[in-house]
Amino acid sequence: MFRATHTGFAKAALCVALFVCGTPLAANPVTNGVAQLEYGYMCKVATEEEMVAEDTISGTVSLVTDPPPFTYRGTTVPAEIGVEFGVRVMVLPQFEGPATVHVEHPPHGAAGITHESWQTYLSADDMGYASFSFEADYEVTPGTWTMSASSNGRIVYSVTFDVIAPMGSATDAMGCNEPDFVS
């Protein structure tokens, strides 16, 4: 499921949940309009509300406020339900404003969809967040996934993730499935 955050100014920023192993940052990400860029994975973040996104399989993206830092940074992503991977970005002032997030991935769903996108706002003052969370079996597809954003026909950033079959449970290793502590 695609996810999007609100910044402190209630601007919808980027968010699609992806899972990335603890590998070094990707070689050669495209960062034409970026002041700061981070990418990686974590446990799935709780959804706060939904926003219509007609060019996604589900028809919506999930909105979150202040997602936690990535548990691991890098571009290798174990494919497992409960993992969220993505990008945090702050853009250069000339790239601030409305933008489109694009995710290219292996075929999903009955129609074999390989591209999904939604509208967002890129900020030069706050880190935005775009991610993908593996929530349904049809989404958990190993292969090359690319997350990018464009504005006025210009690529702002593009990061390619290598989603792989996990060796063991990444969500167990991160503590995603642990019960809440009760005192």
N, C-alpha and C. Protein backbone atom coordinates (compact mmCIF):
# COMPACT_ATOMS: atom_id res chain seq x y z
N MET A 1 0.84 -1.17 0.00
CA MET A 1 0.00 0.00 0.00
C MET A 1 0.88 1.23 0.00
N PHE A 2 0.51 2.21 -0.77
CA PHE A 2 1.23 3.47 -0.82
C PHE A 2 0.90 4.30 0.40
N ARG A 3 1.85 5.11 0.82
CA ARG A 3 1.68 5.92 2.02
C ARG A 3 2.16 7.33 1.75
N ALA A 4 1.58 8.30 2.39
CA ALA A 4 2.01 9.69 2.26
C ALA A 4 1.94 10.36 3.62
N THR A 5 2.83 11.29 3.88
CA THR A 5 2.82 11.97 5.17
C THR A 5 2.31 13.39 5.03
N HIS A 6 1.96 13.95 6.14
CA HIS A 6 1.70 15.38 6.23
C HIS A 6 2.93 16.02 6.85
N THR A 7 3.35 17.17 6.35
CA THR A 7 4.42 17.89 7.02
C THR A 7 3.80 18.69 8.14
N GLY A 8 4.62 19.41 8.88
CA GLY A 8 4.13 20.25 9.96
C GLY A 8 3.17 21.31 9.46
N PHE A 9 3.22 21.60 8.18
CA PHE A 9 2.34 22.60 7.60
C PHE A 9 1.14 21.96 6.90
N ALA A 10 0.87 20.70 7.21
CA ALA A 10 -0.25 19.95 6.66
C ALA A 10 -0.18 19.82 5.14
N LYS A 11 1.02 19.85 4.58
CA LYS A 11 1.20 19.60 3.16
C LYS A 11 1.36 18.11 2.98
N ALA A 12 0.68 17.51 2.04
CA ALA A 12 0.86 16.07 1.81
C ALA A 12 2.24 15.88 1.20
N ALA A 13 3.07 15.12 1.84
CA ALA A 13 4.41 14.82 1.34
C ALA A 13 4.42 13.39 0.85
N LEU A 14 5.57 12.87 0.56
CA LEU A 14 5.70 11.56 -0.04
C LEU A 14 5.64 10.44 0.97
N CYS A 15 5.08 9.28 0.58
CA CYS A 15 5.18 8.09 1.44
C CYS A 15 4.68 6.84 0.76
N VAL A 16 5.53 5.86 0.48
CA VAL A 16 5.18 4.54 -0.03
C VAL A 16 6.03 3.55 0.71
N ALA A 17 5.50 2.51 1.25
CA ALA A 17 6.26 1.68 2.17
C ALA A 17 7.08 0.62 1.49
N LEU A 18 8.37 0.59 1.76
CA LEU A 18 9.31 -0.36 1.21
C LEU A 18 10.18 -0.91 2.32
N PHE A 19 10.82 -2.08 2.13
CA PHE A 19 11.70 -2.69 3.12
C PHE A 19 13.08 -2.81 2.52
N VAL A 20 14.10 -2.28 3.20
CA VAL A 20 15.46 -2.32 2.70
C VAL A 20 16.38 -2.91 3.75
N CYS A 21 17.23 -3.85 3.38
CA CYS A 21 18.20 -4.42 4.32
C CYS A 21 19.23 -3.38 4.69
N GLY A 22 20.03 -3.70 5.68
CA GLY A 22 21.03 -2.78 6.16
C GLY A 22 22.24 -2.69 5.26
N THR A 23 22.06 -2.31 4.02
CA THR A 23 23.16 -2.15 3.08
C THR A 23 23.50 -0.67 2.98
N PRO A 24 24.65 -0.34 2.44
CA PRO A 24 25.00 1.07 2.29
C PRO A 24 24.03 1.77 1.35
N LEU A 25 24.05 3.09 1.39
CA LEU A 25 23.18 3.86 0.51
C LEU A 25 23.47 3.52 -0.94
N ALA A 26 22.42 3.59 -1.75
CA ALA A 26 22.52 3.18 -3.15
C ALA A 26 23.56 3.98 -3.91
N ALA A 27 24.23 3.30 -4.80
CA ALA A 27 25.12 3.99 -5.71
C ALA A 27 24.27 4.61 -6.79
N ASN A 28 24.55 5.81 -7.12
CA ASN A 28 23.95 6.50 -8.26
C ASN A 28 22.45 6.80 -8.16
N PRO A 29 21.90 7.19 -6.99
CA PRO A 29 20.52 7.67 -7.04
C PRO A 29 20.50 8.99 -7.81
N VAL A 30 19.40 9.29 -8.45
CA VAL A 30 19.24 10.56 -9.15
C VAL A 30 18.73 11.58 -8.14
N THR A 31 19.43 12.69 -8.01
CA THR A 31 19.08 13.68 -6.99
C THR A 31 19.10 15.10 -7.56
N ASN A 32 18.50 15.30 -8.71
CA ASN A 32 18.54 16.59 -9.40
C ASN A 32 18.05 17.76 -8.55
N GLY A 33 16.99 17.57 -7.78
CA GLY A 33 16.39 18.67 -7.04
C GLY A 33 16.44 18.49 -5.54
N VAL A 34 17.39 17.69 -5.05
CA VAL A 34 17.38 17.29 -3.65
C VAL A 34 18.40 18.06 -2.81
N ALA A 35 17.96 18.56 -1.67
CA ALA A 35 18.86 19.14 -0.68
C ALA A 35 19.31 18.06 0.30
N GLN A 36 18.40 17.14 0.65
CA GLN A 36 18.71 16.04 1.56
C GLN A 36 17.88 14.83 1.16
N LEU A 37 18.51 13.62 1.16
CA LEU A 37 17.84 12.39 0.74
C LEU A 37 18.28 11.24 1.64
N GLU A 38 17.30 10.47 2.13
CA GLU A 38 17.55 9.26 2.90
C GLU A 38 16.63 8.18 2.36
N TYR A 39 17.05 6.92 2.43
CA TYR A 39 16.18 5.83 2.00
C TYR A 39 16.53 4.59 2.78
N GLY A 40 15.50 3.74 2.99
CA GLY A 40 15.70 2.53 3.76
C GLY A 40 14.37 1.87 4.10
N TYR A 41 14.35 1.10 5.21
CA TYR A 41 13.15 0.37 5.58
C TYR A 41 12.95 0.38 7.09
N MET A 42 11.74 -0.03 7.50
CA MET A 42 11.35 -0.11 8.91
C MET A 42 10.11 -0.98 9.01
N CYS A 43 9.60 -1.15 10.23
CA CYS A 43 8.31 -1.81 10.43
C CYS A 43 7.23 -0.89 9.86
N LYS A 44 6.15 -1.47 9.38
CA LYS A 44 5.03 -0.71 8.84
C LYS A 44 4.56 0.34 9.85
N VAL A 45 4.35 1.56 9.35
CA VAL A 45 3.91 2.68 10.18
C VAL A 45 2.38 2.71 10.20
N ALA A 46 1.79 3.02 11.35
CA ALA A 46 0.34 3.09 11.48
C ALA A 46 -0.23 4.22 10.61
N THR A 47 -1.34 3.92 9.94
CA THR A 47 -2.03 4.89 9.09
C THR A 47 -2.87 5.83 9.94
N GLU A 48 -2.84 7.13 9.58
CA GLU A 48 -3.65 8.12 10.30
C GLU A 48 -4.89 8.52 9.52
N GLU A 49 -4.80 8.54 8.20
CA GLU A 49 -5.96 8.81 7.34
C GLU A 49 -5.61 8.40 5.93
N GLU A 50 -6.59 8.39 5.05
CA GLU A 50 -6.42 7.99 3.66
C GLU A 50 -6.62 9.20 2.75
N MET A 51 -5.93 9.19 1.60
CA MET A 51 -6.09 10.23 0.58
C MET A 51 -6.35 9.52 -0.75
N VAL A 52 -7.27 10.03 -1.54
CA VAL A 52 -7.58 9.46 -2.85
C VAL A 52 -6.36 9.55 -3.75
N ALA A 53 -6.06 8.45 -4.43
CA ALA A 53 -4.95 8.37 -5.38
C ALA A 53 -5.39 7.42 -6.49
N GLU A 54 -6.04 7.97 -7.51
CA GLU A 54 -6.67 7.16 -8.54
C GLU A 54 -5.70 6.29 -9.34
N ASP A 55 -4.43 6.68 -9.43
CA ASP A 55 -3.48 5.91 -10.22
C ASP A 55 -2.70 4.90 -9.34
N THR A 56 -3.40 4.33 -8.34
CA THR A 56 -2.84 3.25 -7.53
C THR A 56 -3.83 2.09 -7.56
N ILE A 57 -3.36 0.88 -7.31
CA ILE A 57 -4.25 -0.28 -7.34
C ILE A 57 -5.36 -0.13 -6.31
N SER A 58 -5.02 0.34 -5.10
CA SER A 58 -6.02 0.47 -4.04
C SER A 58 -6.89 1.70 -4.20
N GLY A 59 -6.45 2.69 -4.97
CA GLY A 59 -7.21 3.94 -5.14
C GLY A 59 -6.96 4.96 -4.04
N THR A 60 -6.09 4.64 -3.09
CA THR A 60 -5.76 5.56 -1.99
C THR A 60 -4.29 5.44 -1.62
N VAL A 61 -3.80 6.46 -0.91
CA VAL A 61 -2.52 6.37 -0.21
C VAL A 61 -2.81 6.66 1.25
N SER A 62 -2.01 6.07 2.12
CA SER A 62 -2.16 6.26 3.56
C SER A 62 -1.32 7.44 4.00
N LEU A 63 -1.90 8.27 4.85
CA LEU A 63 -1.19 9.43 5.36
C LEU A 63 -0.69 9.16 6.77
N VAL A 64 0.54 9.57 7.04
CA VAL A 64 1.12 9.45 8.37
C VAL A 64 1.81 10.77 8.72
N THR A 65 1.93 11.05 10.00
CA THR A 65 2.63 12.24 10.46
C THR A 65 3.88 11.78 11.20
N ASP A 66 4.99 12.41 10.93
CA ASP A 66 6.24 12.14 11.63
C ASP A 66 6.60 10.65 11.69
N PRO A 67 6.84 10.00 10.55
CA PRO A 67 7.26 8.60 10.59
C PRO A 67 8.59 8.47 11.33
N PRO A 68 8.83 7.33 11.97
CA PRO A 68 10.10 7.14 12.67
C PRO A 68 11.25 7.03 11.67
N PRO A 69 12.49 7.12 12.17
CA PRO A 69 13.63 6.95 11.26
C PRO A 69 13.66 5.53 10.71
N PHE A 70 14.32 5.37 9.57
CA PHE A 70 14.48 4.04 9.00
C PHE A 70 15.27 3.17 9.97
N THR A 71 14.85 1.92 10.14
CA THR A 71 15.60 0.98 10.96
C THR A 71 16.91 0.63 10.27
N TYR A 72 16.85 0.43 8.95
CA TYR A 72 18.02 0.16 8.13
C TYR A 72 18.01 1.10 6.95
N ARG A 73 19.19 1.54 6.53
CA ARG A 73 19.31 2.40 5.36
C ARG A 73 19.95 1.61 4.24
N GLY A 74 19.50 1.81 3.03
CA GLY A 74 20.05 1.13 1.87
C GLY A 74 18.98 0.83 0.86
N THR A 75 19.31 0.05 -0.14
CA THR A 75 18.39 -0.21 -1.25
C THR A 75 18.04 -1.68 -1.45
N THR A 76 18.58 -2.58 -0.65
CA THR A 76 18.19 -3.99 -0.74
C THR A 76 17.03 -4.20 0.21
N VAL A 77 15.90 -4.72 -0.30
CA VAL A 77 14.66 -4.77 0.46
C VAL A 77 14.14 -6.20 0.56
N PRO A 78 14.12 -6.81 1.75
CA PRO A 78 13.48 -8.12 1.88
C PRO A 78 11.97 -8.00 1.69
N ALA A 79 11.41 -8.83 0.85
CA ALA A 79 9.98 -8.82 0.55
C ALA A 79 9.24 -9.59 1.64
N GLU A 80 8.52 -8.88 2.52
CA GLU A 80 7.81 -9.52 3.62
C GLU A 80 6.66 -8.62 4.09
N ILE A 81 5.50 -9.24 4.32
CA ILE A 81 4.36 -8.50 4.87
C ILE A 81 4.81 -7.83 6.18
N GLY A 82 4.45 -6.56 6.36
CA GLY A 82 4.79 -5.83 7.58
C GLY A 82 6.01 -4.95 7.45
N VAL A 83 6.67 -4.97 6.29
CA VAL A 83 7.85 -4.15 6.04
C VAL A 83 7.43 -2.92 5.23
N GLU A 84 8.01 -1.80 5.56
CA GLU A 84 7.76 -0.54 4.84
C GLU A 84 9.10 0.02 4.39
N PHE A 85 9.21 0.42 3.12
CA PHE A 85 10.46 0.99 2.63
C PHE A 85 10.16 2.25 1.84
N GLY A 86 11.14 3.14 1.78
CA GLY A 86 10.89 4.36 1.06
C GLY A 86 11.98 5.38 1.13
N VAL A 87 11.55 6.64 0.95
CA VAL A 87 12.45 7.77 0.77
C VAL A 87 12.00 8.92 1.67
N ARG A 88 12.96 9.58 2.30
CA ARG A 88 12.73 10.87 2.97
C ARG A 88 13.50 11.90 2.15
N VAL A 89 12.86 13.03 1.88
CA VAL A 89 13.50 14.01 1.01
C VAL A 89 13.13 15.44 1.40
N MET A 90 14.13 16.31 1.30
CA MET A 90 13.92 17.76 1.37
C MET A 90 14.50 18.29 0.06
N VAL A 91 13.74 19.09 -0.66
CA VAL A 91 14.15 19.53 -1.99
C VAL A 91 14.79 20.91 -1.95
N LEU A 92 15.48 21.23 -3.02
CA LEU A 92 16.03 22.57 -3.20
C LEU A 92 14.86 23.54 -3.40
N PRO A 93 15.01 24.81 -3.01
CA PRO A 93 13.88 25.76 -3.10
C PRO A 93 13.21 25.82 -4.47
N GLN A 94 13.97 25.72 -5.55
CA GLN A 94 13.37 25.82 -6.89
C GLN A 94 12.52 24.60 -7.25
N PHE A 95 12.58 23.52 -6.45
CA PHE A 95 11.77 22.33 -6.70
C PHE A 95 10.61 22.20 -5.72
N GLU A 96 10.46 23.15 -4.81
CA GLU A 96 9.36 23.10 -3.84
C GLU A 96 8.02 23.30 -4.56
N GLY A 97 7.03 22.53 -4.14
CA GLY A 97 5.69 22.67 -4.69
C GLY A 97 5.07 21.34 -5.05
N PRO A 98 3.96 21.38 -5.80
CA PRO A 98 3.26 20.16 -6.19
C PRO A 98 4.16 19.25 -7.03
N ALA A 99 4.02 17.95 -6.84
CA ALA A 99 4.82 16.97 -7.57
C ALA A 99 4.04 15.68 -7.69
N THR A 100 4.55 14.77 -8.50
CA THR A 100 3.97 13.44 -8.65
C THR A 100 5.00 12.40 -8.22
N VAL A 101 4.58 11.50 -7.34
CA VAL A 101 5.41 10.36 -6.93
C VAL A 101 5.08 9.21 -7.87
N HIS A 102 6.11 8.52 -8.35
CA HIS A 102 5.95 7.37 -9.24
C HIS A 102 6.61 6.16 -8.60
N VAL A 103 5.97 5.00 -8.69
CA VAL A 103 6.58 3.75 -8.25
C VAL A 103 6.44 2.76 -9.40
N GLU A 104 7.58 2.27 -9.86
CA GLU A 104 7.63 1.21 -10.87
C GLU A 104 7.98 -0.07 -10.13
N HIS A 105 7.23 -1.16 -10.37
CA HIS A 105 7.47 -2.41 -9.66
C HIS A 105 7.08 -3.60 -10.53
N PRO A 106 7.45 -4.82 -10.11
CA PRO A 106 7.01 -6.00 -10.85
C PRO A 106 5.48 -6.05 -10.92
N PRO A 107 4.91 -6.81 -11.84
CA PRO A 107 3.45 -6.86 -12.01
C PRO A 107 2.69 -7.21 -10.72
N HIS A 108 1.63 -6.43 -10.46
CA HIS A 108 0.76 -6.62 -9.28
C HIS A 108 -0.69 -6.78 -9.72
N GLY A 109 -1.43 -7.55 -8.95
CA GLY A 109 -2.87 -7.67 -9.15
C GLY A 109 -3.22 -8.43 -10.43
N ALA A 110 -4.53 -8.60 -10.63
CA ALA A 110 -5.03 -9.36 -11.78
C ALA A 110 -4.64 -8.71 -13.10
N ALA A 111 -4.54 -7.39 -13.13
CA ALA A 111 -4.22 -6.68 -14.37
C ALA A 111 -2.72 -6.57 -14.61
N GLY A 112 -1.89 -7.03 -13.67
CA GLY A 112 -0.44 -6.95 -13.85
C GLY A 112 0.11 -5.54 -13.85
N ILE A 113 -0.45 -4.68 -13.00
CA ILE A 113 -0.04 -3.27 -12.93
C ILE A 113 1.44 -3.17 -12.55
N THR A 114 2.19 -2.30 -13.26
CA THR A 114 3.62 -2.12 -12.97
C THR A 114 3.97 -0.67 -12.62
N HIS A 115 3.01 0.25 -12.72
CA HIS A 115 3.27 1.67 -12.41
C HIS A 115 2.11 2.22 -11.60
N GLU A 116 2.43 2.90 -10.52
CA GLU A 116 1.43 3.59 -9.71
C GLU A 116 1.96 4.98 -9.39
N SER A 117 1.07 5.94 -9.21
CA SER A 117 1.52 7.31 -8.91
C SER A 117 0.43 8.06 -8.15
N TRP A 118 0.83 9.14 -7.52
CA TRP A 118 -0.09 10.02 -6.81
C TRP A 118 0.53 11.40 -6.67
N GLN A 119 -0.29 12.37 -6.35
CA GLN A 119 0.14 13.75 -6.19
C GLN A 119 0.60 14.01 -4.76
N THR A 120 1.58 14.89 -4.62
CA THR A 120 2.10 15.25 -3.30
C THR A 120 2.61 16.68 -3.34
N TYR A 121 3.22 17.09 -2.27
CA TYR A 121 3.85 18.41 -2.16
C TYR A 121 5.27 18.19 -1.66
N LEU A 122 6.25 18.74 -2.37
CA LEU A 122 7.65 18.64 -1.96
C LEU A 122 8.04 19.94 -1.27
N SER A 123 8.69 19.82 -0.12
CA SER A 123 9.04 20.97 0.70
C SER A 123 10.54 21.22 0.73
N ALA A 124 10.93 22.50 0.75
CA ALA A 124 12.33 22.89 0.93
C ALA A 124 12.62 23.15 2.40
N ASP A 125 11.59 23.05 3.27
CA ASP A 125 11.76 23.34 4.70
C ASP A 125 11.62 22.11 5.59
N ASP A 126 10.91 21.08 5.13
CA ASP A 126 10.64 19.89 5.93
C ASP A 126 10.97 18.64 5.11
N MET A 127 11.37 17.57 5.82
CA MET A 127 11.59 16.29 5.16
C MET A 127 10.23 15.67 4.83
N GLY A 128 10.00 15.35 3.57
CA GLY A 128 8.81 14.63 3.16
C GLY A 128 9.11 13.14 3.17
N TYR A 129 8.10 12.31 3.02
CA TYR A 129 8.27 10.87 3.12
C TYR A 129 7.39 10.19 2.08
N ALA A 130 8.00 9.30 1.30
CA ALA A 130 7.28 8.46 0.34
C ALA A 130 7.68 7.03 0.63
N SER A 131 6.70 6.12 0.70
CA SER A 131 7.05 4.75 1.03
C SER A 131 6.04 3.78 0.45
N PHE A 132 6.37 2.51 0.55
CA PHE A 132 5.46 1.43 0.17
C PHE A 132 5.51 0.41 1.29
N SER A 133 4.33 -0.02 1.76
CA SER A 133 4.29 -1.06 2.80
C SER A 133 3.73 -2.33 2.19
N PHE A 134 4.37 -3.45 2.48
CA PHE A 134 3.88 -4.74 2.02
C PHE A 134 2.76 -5.16 2.97
N GLU A 135 1.51 -5.11 2.47
CA GLU A 135 0.34 -5.43 3.29
C GLU A 135 -0.46 -6.60 2.74
N ALA A 136 -0.32 -6.90 1.46
CA ALA A 136 -1.08 -7.99 0.82
C ALA A 136 -0.11 -8.89 0.06
N ASP A 137 -0.45 -10.17 -0.03
CA ASP A 137 0.44 -11.13 -0.70
C ASP A 137 0.81 -10.72 -2.12
N TYR A 138 -0.14 -10.16 -2.89
CA TYR A 138 0.17 -9.80 -4.28
C TYR A 138 1.20 -8.67 -4.37
N GLU A 139 1.39 -7.90 -3.30
CA GLU A 139 2.37 -6.81 -3.31
C GLU A 139 3.80 -7.30 -3.07
N VAL A 140 3.95 -8.43 -2.43
CA VAL A 140 5.26 -8.94 -2.01
C VAL A 140 5.92 -9.60 -3.22
N THR A 141 6.50 -8.77 -4.09
CA THR A 141 7.07 -9.26 -5.35
C THR A 141 8.55 -8.87 -5.45
N PRO A 142 9.43 -9.85 -5.41
CA PRO A 142 10.85 -9.56 -5.60
C PRO A 142 11.10 -8.99 -6.99
N GLY A 143 12.15 -8.20 -7.08
CA GLY A 143 12.53 -7.60 -8.35
C GLY A 143 12.97 -6.17 -8.16
N THR A 144 13.07 -5.46 -9.25
CA THR A 144 13.49 -4.06 -9.23
C THR A 144 12.29 -3.16 -9.01
N TRP A 145 12.39 -2.29 -8.02
CA TRP A 145 11.37 -1.28 -7.71
C TRP A 145 12.06 0.08 -7.80
N THR A 146 11.43 1.04 -8.46
CA THR A 146 11.99 2.38 -8.53
C THR A 146 10.97 3.38 -8.00
N MET A 147 11.40 4.21 -7.07
CA MET A 147 10.58 5.27 -6.52
C MET A 147 11.18 6.59 -6.97
N SER A 148 10.33 7.45 -7.55
CA SER A 148 10.83 8.73 -8.03
C SER A 148 9.76 9.79 -7.84
N ALA A 149 10.16 11.04 -8.02
CA ALA A 149 9.22 12.16 -8.00
C ALA A 149 9.58 13.09 -9.13
N SER A 150 8.53 13.67 -9.73
CA SER A 150 8.75 14.63 -10.81
C SER A 150 7.88 15.87 -10.57
N SER A 151 8.37 16.98 -11.09
CA SER A 151 7.65 18.25 -10.97
C SER A 151 7.90 19.05 -12.23
N ASN A 152 6.83 19.51 -12.85
CA ASN A 152 6.93 20.30 -14.08
C ASN A 152 7.80 19.61 -15.13
N GLY A 153 7.62 18.30 -15.29
CA GLY A 153 8.36 17.55 -16.30
C GLY A 153 9.81 17.26 -15.94
N ARG A 154 10.24 17.61 -14.72
CA ARG A 154 11.62 17.38 -14.30
C ARG A 154 11.65 16.30 -13.23
N ILE A 155 12.62 15.38 -13.33
CA ILE A 155 12.82 14.38 -12.28
C ILE A 155 13.50 15.08 -11.11
N VAL A 156 12.90 14.97 -9.93
CA VAL A 156 13.46 15.57 -8.72
C VAL A 156 14.41 14.57 -8.06
N TYR A 157 13.97 13.31 -7.93
CA TYR A 157 14.81 12.24 -7.42
C TYR A 157 14.31 10.92 -7.97
N SER A 158 15.19 9.93 -7.93
CA SER A 158 14.84 8.57 -8.32
C SER A 158 15.77 7.62 -7.57
N VAL A 159 15.19 6.63 -6.88
CA VAL A 159 15.97 5.64 -6.15
C VAL A 159 15.46 4.26 -6.56
N THR A 160 16.37 3.38 -6.93
CA THR A 160 16.02 2.01 -7.32
C THR A 160 16.34 1.07 -6.17
N PHE A 161 15.34 0.25 -5.81
CA PHE A 161 15.46 -0.73 -4.74
C PHE A 161 15.48 -2.12 -5.35
N ASP A 162 16.25 -3.02 -4.74
CA ASP A 162 16.30 -4.42 -5.14
C ASP A 162 15.53 -5.21 -4.08
N VAL A 163 14.29 -5.58 -4.39
CA VAL A 163 13.44 -6.32 -3.45
C VAL A 163 13.75 -7.80 -3.63
N ILE A 164 14.15 -8.45 -2.52
CA ILE A 164 14.59 -9.85 -2.58
C ILE A 164 13.80 -10.71 -1.60
N ALA A 165 13.79 -12.01 -1.84
CA ALA A 165 13.18 -12.95 -0.90
C ALA A 165 14.02 -12.92 0.38
N PRO A 166 13.38 -12.73 1.54
CA PRO A 166 14.15 -12.62 2.77
C PRO A 166 14.73 -13.97 3.21
N MET A 167 15.83 -13.90 3.94
CA MET A 167 16.43 -15.09 4.54
C MET A 167 16.12 -15.00 6.03
N GLY A 168 15.01 -15.58 6.45
CA GLY A 168 14.53 -15.41 7.82
C GLY A 168 13.48 -14.31 7.84
N SER A 169 13.03 -13.96 9.02
CA SER A 169 11.99 -12.95 9.15
C SER A 169 12.57 -11.60 9.52
N ALA A 170 12.52 -10.68 8.58
CA ALA A 170 13.00 -9.33 8.84
C ALA A 170 12.14 -8.64 9.88
N THR A 171 10.82 -8.87 9.84
CA THR A 171 9.94 -8.20 10.82
C THR A 171 10.20 -8.72 12.22
N ASP A 172 10.52 -10.00 12.38
CA ASP A 172 10.90 -10.51 13.70
C ASP A 172 12.21 -9.89 14.16
N ALA A 173 13.17 -9.79 13.26
CA ALA A 173 14.47 -9.21 13.60
C ALA A 173 14.35 -7.76 14.05
N MET A 174 13.39 -7.02 13.47
CA MET A 174 13.19 -5.61 13.84
C MET A 174 12.26 -5.45 15.03
N GLY A 175 11.62 -6.54 15.46
CA GLY A 175 10.68 -6.43 16.58
C GLY A 175 9.32 -5.92 16.16
N CYS A 176 8.98 -6.04 14.90
CA CYS A 176 7.68 -5.54 14.41
C CYS A 176 6.52 -6.32 15.02
N ASN A 177 6.71 -7.57 15.33
CA ASN A 177 5.62 -8.43 15.77
C ASN A 177 5.57 -8.62 17.28
N GLU A 178 6.39 -7.85 18.02
CA GLU A 178 6.40 -7.99 19.47
C GLU A 178 5.17 -7.34 20.08
N PRO A 179 4.59 -7.95 21.11
CA PRO A 179 3.44 -7.34 21.76
C PRO A 179 3.85 -6.06 22.49
N ASP A 180 2.89 -5.14 22.66
CA ASP A 180 3.16 -3.92 23.41
C ASP A 180 3.47 -4.27 24.86
N PHE A 181 4.39 -3.54 25.45
CA PHE A 181 4.75 -3.75 26.85
C PHE A 181 3.63 -3.23 27.74
N VAL A 182 3.23 -4.02 28.70
CA VAL A 182 2.18 -3.62 29.63
C VAL A 182 2.76 -3.68 31.04
N SER A 183 2.61 -2.59 31.80
CA SER A 183 3.16 -2.60 33.16
C SER A 183 2.08 -2.81 34.18
